[in-house]
């Protein structure tokens, strides 16, 4: 299972870097979202996917799920949701002011590739 998760994390990171390096603000925002989801899966995978019992300790329980990575990821998801909402508002304001979402045109470069 860890091998499948590693492949999925690699694909998410690859797609995120590709989108972040694009010229469109919306693609950059989607890329940062994919990057954060890849980081969440990485933390979850590194915390261990084993453990079939809930994270409640009782007498005789030896195999249980570690709740710390799940708590960290839940906090990170809430924070990334807030940051994504803020970035979307900034992108909307930027588009309303400049009438473009091309990063090169906003910098003053007149290249049209």
Protein backbone atom coordinates (compact mmCIF):
# COMPACT_ATOMS: atom_id res chain seq x y z
CA UNK A 1 0.00 0.00 0.00
CA UNK A 2 2.89 2.33 0.75
CA UNK A 3 4.23 1.85 -2.79
CA UNK A 4 0.91 2.89 -4.31
CA UNK A 5 0.77 5.93 -2.03
CA UNK A 6 4.34 6.87 -2.99
CA UNK A 7 3.41 6.73 -6.67
CA UNK A 8 0.28 8.84 -6.10
CA UNK A 9 2.30 11.38 -4.07
CA UNK A 10 4.90 11.58 -6.83
CA UNK A 11 2.22 12.15 -9.46
CA UNK A 12 0.62 14.88 -7.33
CA UNK A 13 3.95 16.62 -6.81
CA UNK A 14 4.77 16.33 -10.52
CA UNK A 15 1.45 17.83 -11.58
CA UNK A 16 1.71 20.55 -8.92
CA UNK A 17 5.17 21.67 -10.05
CA UNK A 18 4.02 21.69 -13.68
CA UNK A 19 1.01 23.85 -12.84
CA UNK A 20 2.94 26.20 -10.55
CA UNK A 21 5.43 26.92 -13.35
CA UNK A 22 2.65 27.97 -15.76
CA UNK A 23 1.70 31.56 -16.59
CA UNK A 24 -1.95 31.53 -15.55
CA UNK A 25 -2.85 32.55 -12.00
CA UNK A 26 -5.66 29.98 -11.83
CA UNK A 27 -3.29 27.16 -12.79
CA UNK A 28 -0.84 28.33 -10.14
CA UNK A 29 -3.59 28.23 -7.51
CA UNK A 30 -4.62 24.72 -8.57
CA UNK A 31 -0.96 23.71 -8.44
CA UNK A 32 -0.57 24.94 -4.87
CA UNK A 33 -3.70 23.00 -3.93
CA UNK A 34 -2.30 19.83 -5.47
CA UNK A 35 1.01 20.41 -3.71
CA UNK A 36 -0.71 20.71 -0.35
CA UNK A 37 -2.73 17.53 -0.99
CA UNK A 38 0.48 15.72 -1.90
CA UNK A 39 2.09 16.92 1.32
CA UNK A 40 -0.94 15.72 3.31
CA UNK A 41 -0.69 12.27 1.76
CA UNK A 42 3.05 12.24 2.40
CA UNK A 43 2.54 12.99 6.10
CA UNK A 44 -0.15 10.33 6.34
CA UNK A 45 2.02 7.74 4.60
CA UNK A 46 5.08 8.55 6.70
CA UNK A 47 2.95 8.21 9.83
CA UNK A 48 2.23 4.65 8.87
CA UNK A 49 -0.79 3.12 7.22
CA UNK A 50 -0.85 0.14 9.59
CA UNK A 51 -3.09 -0.24 12.54
CA UNK A 52 -6.57 -1.61 12.25
CA UNK A 53 -7.90 -0.64 15.66
CA UNK A 54 -9.03 2.88 16.50
CA UNK A 55 -6.63 5.08 18.47
CA UNK A 56 -8.20 4.10 21.80
CA UNK A 57 -5.97 2.17 24.14
CA UNK A 58 -7.47 -0.64 26.14
CA UNK A 59 -6.11 -3.69 27.88
CA UNK A 60 -4.53 -6.12 25.46
CA UNK A 61 -4.53 -3.83 22.40
CA UNK A 62 -1.19 -3.96 20.59
CA UNK A 63 -2.04 -2.70 17.10
CA UNK A 64 -3.69 0.73 16.93
CA UNK A 65 -3.71 3.69 14.56
CA UNK A 66 -1.52 6.66 15.44
CA UNK A 67 -3.79 9.73 15.78
CA UNK A 68 -1.02 12.37 15.55
CA UNK A 69 -0.54 12.37 11.73
CA UNK A 70 -4.30 12.46 11.25
CA UNK A 71 -4.63 15.44 13.60
CA UNK A 72 -1.77 17.27 11.84
CA UNK A 73 -3.32 16.65 8.44
CA UNK A 74 -6.75 17.81 9.58
CA UNK A 75 -5.21 21.05 10.84
CA UNK A 76 -3.23 21.47 7.61
CA UNK A 77 -6.36 20.92 5.50
CA UNK A 78 -8.21 23.68 7.34
CA UNK A 79 -5.27 26.06 6.99
CA UNK A 80 -4.79 25.28 3.29
CA UNK A 81 -8.52 25.85 2.69
CA UNK A 82 -8.24 29.32 4.22
CA UNK A 83 -5.09 30.15 2.28
CA UNK A 84 -6.64 28.93 -0.98
CA UNK A 85 -9.73 31.06 -0.41
CA UNK A 86 -7.52 34.09 0.26
CA UNK A 87 -5.44 33.45 -2.87
CA UNK A 88 -8.60 33.08 -4.98
CA UNK A 89 -9.86 36.45 -3.74
CA UNK A 90 -6.49 38.04 -4.56
CA UNK A 91 -6.56 36.46 -8.03
CA UNK A 92 -10.07 37.78 -8.64
CA UNK A 93 -9.02 41.29 -7.59
CA UNK A 94 -5.92 41.09 -9.77
CA UNK A 95 -7.98 39.98 -12.76
CA UNK A 96 -10.47 42.79 -12.13
CA UNK A 97 -7.67 45.38 -12.10
CA UNK A 98 -5.46 44.11 -14.94
CA UNK A 99 -8.03 42.25 -17.14
CA UNK A 100 -5.60 39.35 -17.57
CA UNK A 101 -4.41 36.33 -15.65
CA UNK A 102 -1.13 35.99 -17.56
CA UNK A 103 1.78 36.51 -15.18
CA UNK A 104 4.12 37.78 -17.91
CA UNK A 105 1.69 40.52 -18.95
CA UNK A 106 1.26 41.60 -15.32
CA UNK A 107 5.04 41.84 -14.92
CA UNK A 108 5.29 44.04 -18.00
CA UNK A 109 6.78 41.43 -20.32
CA UNK A 110 5.09 41.56 -23.71
CA UNK A 111 5.96 38.01 -24.77
CA UNK A 112 3.01 36.10 -26.19
CA UNK A 113 4.01 32.43 -26.38
